[in-house]
Structures are given as structure tokens and as C-alpha cells.
N, C-alpha and C. Protein backbone atom coordinates (compact mmCIF):
# COMPACT_ATOMS: atom_id res chain seq x y z
N MET A 1 17.57 -7.38 2.69
CA MET A 1 16.73 -8.24 1.87
C MET A 1 17.19 -8.15 0.41
N GLU A 2 17.22 -9.28 -0.27
CA GLU A 2 17.57 -9.35 -1.68
C GLU A 2 16.34 -9.70 -2.51
N ARG A 3 16.23 -9.05 -3.67
CA ARG A 3 15.23 -9.41 -4.66
C ARG A 3 16.00 -9.78 -5.92
N ILE A 4 15.79 -10.95 -6.45
CA ILE A 4 16.50 -11.42 -7.63
C ILE A 4 15.63 -11.15 -8.87
N TYR A 5 16.22 -10.53 -9.88
CA TYR A 5 15.50 -10.23 -11.12
C TYR A 5 16.08 -10.97 -12.32
N ASN A 6 17.39 -10.93 -12.49
CA ASN A 6 18.05 -11.59 -13.62
C ASN A 6 17.34 -11.32 -14.95
N LYS A 7 17.18 -10.05 -15.28
CA LYS A 7 16.54 -9.70 -16.54
C LYS A 7 17.05 -8.35 -17.04
N LEU A 8 16.89 -8.14 -18.33
CA LEU A 8 17.23 -6.88 -18.97
C LEU A 8 16.28 -5.79 -18.46
N VAL A 9 16.85 -4.64 -18.12
CA VAL A 9 16.03 -3.51 -17.66
C VAL A 9 16.38 -2.26 -18.46
N ARG A 10 15.50 -1.30 -18.40
CA ARG A 10 15.75 -0.02 -19.06
C ARG A 10 16.96 0.67 -18.44
N ASP A 11 17.60 1.52 -19.22
CA ASP A 11 18.89 2.13 -18.86
C ASP A 11 18.88 2.91 -17.54
N ARG A 12 17.78 3.52 -17.18
CA ARG A 12 17.77 4.36 -15.98
C ARG A 12 17.32 3.62 -14.73
N ILE A 13 16.96 2.34 -14.86
CA ILE A 13 16.48 1.59 -13.70
C ILE A 13 17.51 1.52 -12.58
N PRO A 14 18.80 1.25 -12.86
CA PRO A 14 19.77 1.25 -11.76
C PRO A 14 19.83 2.60 -11.02
N GLU A 15 19.75 3.69 -11.75
CA GLU A 15 19.76 5.03 -11.14
C GLU A 15 18.53 5.22 -10.25
N ILE A 16 17.39 4.79 -10.73
CA ILE A 16 16.14 4.91 -9.97
C ILE A 16 16.23 4.07 -8.68
N ILE A 17 16.79 2.89 -8.78
CA ILE A 17 16.97 2.03 -7.61
C ILE A 17 17.91 2.70 -6.61
N SER A 18 19.03 3.23 -7.10
CA SER A 18 19.99 3.92 -6.23
C SER A 18 19.36 5.12 -5.52
N ASN A 19 18.53 5.86 -6.25
CA ASN A 19 17.86 7.03 -5.66
C ASN A 19 16.90 6.65 -4.55
N LYS A 20 16.51 5.39 -4.50
CA LYS A 20 15.64 4.89 -3.43
C LYS A 20 16.45 4.37 -2.25
N GLY A 21 17.79 4.53 -2.32
CA GLY A 21 18.65 4.09 -1.23
C GLY A 21 18.98 2.61 -1.28
N GLU A 22 18.72 1.97 -2.41
CA GLU A 22 19.04 0.56 -2.58
C GLU A 22 20.24 0.41 -3.51
N GLN A 23 20.84 -0.76 -3.51
CA GLN A 23 22.04 -0.99 -4.33
C GLN A 23 21.73 -1.98 -5.45
N PRO A 24 21.72 -1.51 -6.70
CA PRO A 24 21.51 -2.43 -7.81
C PRO A 24 22.82 -3.16 -8.15
N ILE A 25 22.76 -4.43 -8.39
CA ILE A 25 23.91 -5.20 -8.85
C ILE A 25 23.64 -5.54 -10.32
N THR A 26 24.50 -5.03 -11.20
CA THR A 26 24.29 -5.17 -12.64
C THR A 26 25.57 -5.61 -13.34
N HIS A 27 25.45 -5.98 -14.58
CA HIS A 27 26.60 -6.14 -15.46
C HIS A 27 26.15 -5.85 -16.89
N ILE A 28 27.09 -5.58 -17.76
CA ILE A 28 26.80 -5.26 -19.16
C ILE A 28 26.86 -6.54 -19.98
N LEU A 29 25.83 -6.74 -20.80
CA LEU A 29 25.73 -7.93 -21.64
C LEU A 29 26.57 -7.77 -22.90
N ASN A 30 27.07 -8.88 -23.41
CA ASN A 30 27.69 -8.83 -24.74
C ASN A 30 26.55 -8.84 -25.77
N ASP A 31 26.87 -8.64 -27.05
CA ASP A 31 25.83 -8.51 -28.07
C ASP A 31 24.95 -9.75 -28.19
N GLU A 32 25.52 -10.93 -28.07
CA GLU A 32 24.75 -12.18 -28.17
C GLU A 32 23.77 -12.30 -26.99
N GLU A 33 24.26 -12.02 -25.79
CA GLU A 33 23.40 -12.06 -24.61
C GLU A 33 22.31 -11.00 -24.70
N TYR A 34 22.70 -9.82 -25.16
CA TYR A 34 21.77 -8.69 -25.30
C TYR A 34 20.61 -9.05 -26.23
N LYS A 35 20.94 -9.63 -27.38
CA LYS A 35 19.90 -10.03 -28.34
C LYS A 35 18.96 -11.06 -27.72
N LYS A 36 19.53 -12.04 -27.04
CA LYS A 36 18.71 -13.08 -26.40
C LYS A 36 17.79 -12.46 -25.34
N GLU A 37 18.32 -11.55 -24.54
CA GLU A 37 17.51 -10.92 -23.49
C GLU A 37 16.45 -9.99 -24.08
N LEU A 38 16.77 -9.31 -25.17
CA LEU A 38 15.76 -8.49 -25.84
C LEU A 38 14.61 -9.36 -26.36
N GLU A 39 14.95 -10.51 -26.92
CA GLU A 39 13.92 -11.42 -27.42
C GLU A 39 13.05 -11.93 -26.27
N LYS A 40 13.66 -12.24 -25.14
CA LYS A 40 12.90 -12.66 -23.97
C LYS A 40 11.99 -11.53 -23.49
N LYS A 41 12.53 -10.33 -23.49
CA LYS A 41 11.77 -9.16 -23.05
C LYS A 41 10.59 -8.89 -24.00
N LEU A 42 10.81 -9.08 -25.30
CA LEU A 42 9.74 -8.90 -26.27
C LEU A 42 8.59 -9.86 -25.98
N TYR A 43 8.93 -11.10 -25.69
CA TYR A 43 7.91 -12.10 -25.36
C TYR A 43 7.18 -11.71 -24.06
N GLU A 44 7.94 -11.23 -23.07
CA GLU A 44 7.33 -10.78 -21.81
C GLU A 44 6.34 -9.66 -22.07
N GLU A 45 6.75 -8.69 -22.87
CA GLU A 45 5.87 -7.55 -23.16
C GLU A 45 4.68 -7.98 -24.00
N TYR A 46 4.88 -8.91 -24.90
CA TYR A 46 3.77 -9.46 -25.70
C TYR A 46 2.69 -10.01 -24.77
N ASN A 47 3.10 -10.79 -23.78
CA ASN A 47 2.14 -11.35 -22.82
C ASN A 47 1.47 -10.25 -22.01
N GLU A 48 2.20 -9.19 -21.70
CA GLU A 48 1.61 -8.08 -20.96
C GLU A 48 0.61 -7.31 -21.83
N VAL A 49 0.86 -7.21 -23.12
CA VAL A 49 -0.12 -6.60 -24.03
C VAL A 49 -1.40 -7.42 -24.01
N LEU A 50 -1.26 -8.73 -24.13
CA LEU A 50 -2.45 -9.60 -24.13
C LEU A 50 -3.20 -9.54 -22.81
N GLY A 51 -2.48 -9.33 -21.72
CA GLY A 51 -3.10 -9.28 -20.41
C GLY A 51 -3.63 -7.92 -20.00
N ALA A 52 -3.37 -6.91 -20.79
CA ALA A 52 -3.83 -5.56 -20.45
C ALA A 52 -5.35 -5.52 -20.40
N THR A 53 -5.87 -4.89 -19.37
CA THR A 53 -7.32 -4.89 -19.16
C THR A 53 -8.00 -3.60 -19.59
N ASN A 54 -7.20 -2.61 -19.97
CA ASN A 54 -7.82 -1.36 -20.46
C ASN A 54 -6.91 -0.73 -21.51
N SER A 55 -7.45 0.25 -22.20
CA SER A 55 -6.75 0.89 -23.31
C SER A 55 -5.44 1.54 -22.87
N ASN A 56 -5.44 2.22 -21.74
CA ASN A 56 -4.22 2.90 -21.28
C ASN A 56 -3.11 1.88 -21.00
N ASP A 57 -3.45 0.79 -20.33
CA ASP A 57 -2.45 -0.25 -20.04
C ASP A 57 -1.92 -0.87 -21.32
N ARG A 58 -2.82 -1.11 -22.27
CA ARG A 58 -2.41 -1.71 -23.54
C ARG A 58 -1.44 -0.79 -24.28
N ILE A 59 -1.71 0.50 -24.29
CA ILE A 59 -0.83 1.46 -24.95
C ILE A 59 0.53 1.49 -24.25
N GLU A 60 0.55 1.44 -22.94
CA GLU A 60 1.82 1.39 -22.19
C GLU A 60 2.63 0.16 -22.59
N GLU A 61 1.99 -0.98 -22.68
CA GLU A 61 2.69 -2.22 -23.02
C GLU A 61 3.14 -2.21 -24.48
N LEU A 62 2.33 -1.65 -25.37
CA LEU A 62 2.74 -1.52 -26.77
C LEU A 62 3.94 -0.59 -26.89
N ALA A 63 3.98 0.46 -26.07
CA ALA A 63 5.13 1.36 -26.06
C ALA A 63 6.38 0.62 -25.61
N ASP A 64 6.25 -0.26 -24.62
CA ASP A 64 7.39 -1.08 -24.18
C ASP A 64 7.86 -1.98 -25.31
N MET A 65 6.91 -2.59 -26.03
CA MET A 65 7.29 -3.44 -27.17
C MET A 65 8.02 -2.63 -28.23
N LEU A 66 7.55 -1.43 -28.48
CA LEU A 66 8.18 -0.56 -29.48
C LEU A 66 9.61 -0.24 -29.09
N GLU A 67 9.85 0.02 -27.82
CA GLU A 67 11.21 0.30 -27.36
C GLU A 67 12.13 -0.90 -27.61
N ILE A 68 11.61 -2.08 -27.38
CA ILE A 68 12.39 -3.31 -27.62
C ILE A 68 12.63 -3.49 -29.12
N LEU A 69 11.62 -3.22 -29.93
CA LEU A 69 11.80 -3.32 -31.39
C LEU A 69 12.86 -2.34 -31.88
N LYS A 70 12.89 -1.15 -31.29
CA LYS A 70 13.93 -0.17 -31.64
C LYS A 70 15.32 -0.72 -31.32
N ALA A 71 15.45 -1.35 -30.17
CA ALA A 71 16.75 -1.91 -29.77
C ALA A 71 17.13 -3.08 -30.67
N LEU A 72 16.16 -3.93 -31.00
CA LEU A 72 16.45 -5.06 -31.90
C LEU A 72 16.85 -4.57 -33.29
N ALA A 73 16.18 -3.54 -33.78
CA ALA A 73 16.54 -2.96 -35.08
C ALA A 73 17.96 -2.42 -35.04
N SER A 74 18.31 -1.78 -33.94
CA SER A 74 19.65 -1.22 -33.79
C SER A 74 20.73 -2.30 -33.87
N LEU A 75 20.42 -3.49 -33.33
CA LEU A 75 21.37 -4.60 -33.43
C LEU A 75 21.62 -5.01 -34.88
N GLU A 76 20.67 -4.70 -35.75
CA GLU A 76 20.80 -4.99 -37.18
C GLU A 76 21.30 -3.77 -37.94
N ASN A 77 21.79 -2.78 -37.19
CA ASN A 77 22.24 -1.50 -37.77
C ASN A 77 21.14 -0.79 -38.54
N LYS A 78 19.94 -0.89 -38.02
CA LYS A 78 18.77 -0.23 -38.61
C LYS A 78 18.08 0.60 -37.54
N THR A 79 17.18 1.46 -37.98
CA THR A 79 16.39 2.27 -37.06
C THR A 79 14.94 1.81 -37.11
N ILE A 80 14.14 2.28 -36.19
CA ILE A 80 12.72 1.96 -36.21
C ILE A 80 12.08 2.54 -37.47
N GLU A 81 12.64 3.64 -37.97
CA GLU A 81 12.13 4.20 -39.23
C GLU A 81 12.37 3.24 -40.39
N ASP A 82 13.52 2.54 -40.37
CA ASP A 82 13.78 1.52 -41.40
C ASP A 82 12.75 0.40 -41.32
N VAL A 83 12.43 0.00 -40.10
CA VAL A 83 11.43 -1.07 -39.90
C VAL A 83 10.07 -0.59 -40.39
N LEU A 84 9.72 0.64 -40.05
CA LEU A 84 8.43 1.18 -40.49
C LEU A 84 8.36 1.30 -42.01
N GLU A 85 9.48 1.64 -42.64
CA GLU A 85 9.51 1.72 -44.10
C GLU A 85 9.24 0.36 -44.73
N VAL A 86 9.86 -0.68 -44.19
CA VAL A 86 9.62 -2.04 -44.69
C VAL A 86 8.16 -2.43 -44.45
N ALA A 87 7.63 -2.08 -43.28
CA ALA A 87 6.23 -2.37 -42.98
C ALA A 87 5.31 -1.68 -43.98
N ASP A 88 5.61 -0.42 -44.31
CA ASP A 88 4.81 0.31 -45.30
C ASP A 88 4.90 -0.35 -46.68
N GLN A 89 6.10 -0.79 -47.06
CA GLN A 89 6.26 -1.47 -48.34
C GLN A 89 5.45 -2.76 -48.38
N LYS A 90 5.48 -3.51 -47.29
CA LYS A 90 4.70 -4.75 -47.22
C LYS A 90 3.20 -4.45 -47.28
N ALA A 91 2.78 -3.38 -46.62
CA ALA A 91 1.38 -3.01 -46.64
C ALA A 91 0.94 -2.61 -48.05
N GLN A 92 1.83 -1.92 -48.78
CA GLN A 92 1.52 -1.55 -50.16
C GLN A 92 1.37 -2.80 -51.03
N LYS A 93 2.23 -3.77 -50.81
CA LYS A 93 2.26 -4.98 -51.63
C LYS A 93 1.16 -5.97 -51.25
N ARG A 94 0.96 -6.19 -49.94
CA ARG A 94 0.07 -7.25 -49.48
C ARG A 94 -1.11 -6.75 -48.66
N GLY A 95 -1.11 -5.44 -48.37
CA GLY A 95 -2.17 -4.88 -47.54
C GLY A 95 -1.78 -4.89 -46.08
N GLY A 96 -2.64 -4.28 -45.28
CA GLY A 96 -2.43 -4.25 -43.84
C GLY A 96 -3.43 -5.19 -43.17
N PHE A 97 -3.93 -4.79 -42.02
CA PHE A 97 -4.90 -5.60 -41.29
C PHE A 97 -6.15 -4.80 -40.93
N LYS A 98 -6.33 -3.65 -41.60
CA LYS A 98 -7.45 -2.76 -41.28
C LYS A 98 -8.81 -3.37 -41.56
N ASN A 99 -8.90 -4.22 -42.58
CA ASN A 99 -10.20 -4.74 -43.00
C ASN A 99 -10.66 -5.96 -42.20
N LYS A 100 -9.85 -6.39 -41.25
CA LYS A 100 -10.23 -7.46 -40.31
C LYS A 100 -10.57 -8.78 -41.03
N ILE A 101 -9.91 -9.07 -42.14
CA ILE A 101 -10.20 -10.26 -42.93
C ILE A 101 -9.63 -11.50 -42.24
N PHE A 102 -10.49 -12.50 -42.07
CA PHE A 102 -10.12 -13.78 -41.46
C PHE A 102 -10.26 -14.85 -42.53
N LEU A 103 -9.15 -15.41 -43.01
CA LEU A 103 -9.17 -16.43 -44.05
C LEU A 103 -9.49 -17.77 -43.44
N GLU A 104 -10.60 -18.34 -43.82
CA GLU A 104 -11.01 -19.64 -43.29
C GLU A 104 -10.35 -20.78 -44.03
N LYS A 105 -10.39 -20.74 -45.36
CA LYS A 105 -9.77 -21.80 -46.14
C LYS A 105 -9.68 -21.37 -47.60
N VAL A 106 -8.98 -22.16 -48.39
CA VAL A 106 -8.86 -21.94 -49.83
C VAL A 106 -9.22 -23.24 -50.52
N ILE A 107 -10.07 -23.14 -51.51
CA ILE A 107 -10.47 -24.32 -52.29
C ILE A 107 -9.85 -24.18 -53.67
N SER A 108 -9.19 -25.25 -54.12
CA SER A 108 -8.51 -25.21 -55.39
C SER A 108 -8.84 -26.47 -56.19
N ASP A 109 -8.94 -26.30 -57.51
CA ASP A 109 -9.14 -27.43 -58.40
C ASP A 109 -7.83 -28.12 -58.72
N LYS A 110 -6.71 -27.50 -58.37
CA LYS A 110 -5.39 -28.05 -58.64
C LYS A 110 -5.12 -29.21 -57.70
N ASN A 111 -4.34 -30.18 -58.17
CA ASN A 111 -3.98 -31.31 -57.32
C ASN A 111 -2.80 -31.02 -56.48
């Protein structure tokens, strides 16, 4: 029996499949394909975060997103720490999202 996946998987997945007595068929992506597949995976994980029905599942899916963000940062020759530093700088300049502020509209006298 064949199961078709055609998607980016974590590095140890082929080993795990082999240990179950199955044969994984894989190939290595070039950098352009890798970036595209990471972006697709990020979207997949985003939907899984939204679909999580409890706190533990949500944390698992957020962890998956974080792993993808680490890989995307690496493609830019950066680390997740570099991304977090930029996030901290933005939070210092513009704030974070802790206060739950929802902007409804802005009224201006300017034309």
C-alpha cells in the first residue's frame, strides 16, 4: 500500500518510518523549493493552531510554528534569537499585544 504525502517533514521522520518497517521515498529540496515548502508548512501549522481545541494542542502547534520560523530565519542567515531581538525592538517602539487593544476607527479633521 502507498500513502502519498508530497510535503516537507521533520528531519527524523524518514528514520521513524523505516523503524516501523516501511520504506520512505524522499528527496532533498533546493533552497527555493525549501523556502516555498516552509511557507506552505507555516500556513498548515497556522491552521492547526486555529483548530486546536485545548491548551496542550495549541502549545504543540505553536511549537511546530516556531520550528518553521527557526528554519525560515536560517534561510536569511539569521537565528530565532535575531528574530526575537527584532520583535523586542518593535515592542519597545510600538508596543506588544498584551493590552488587547482593538482599534475600531480613527477620526481626523485633515482632508
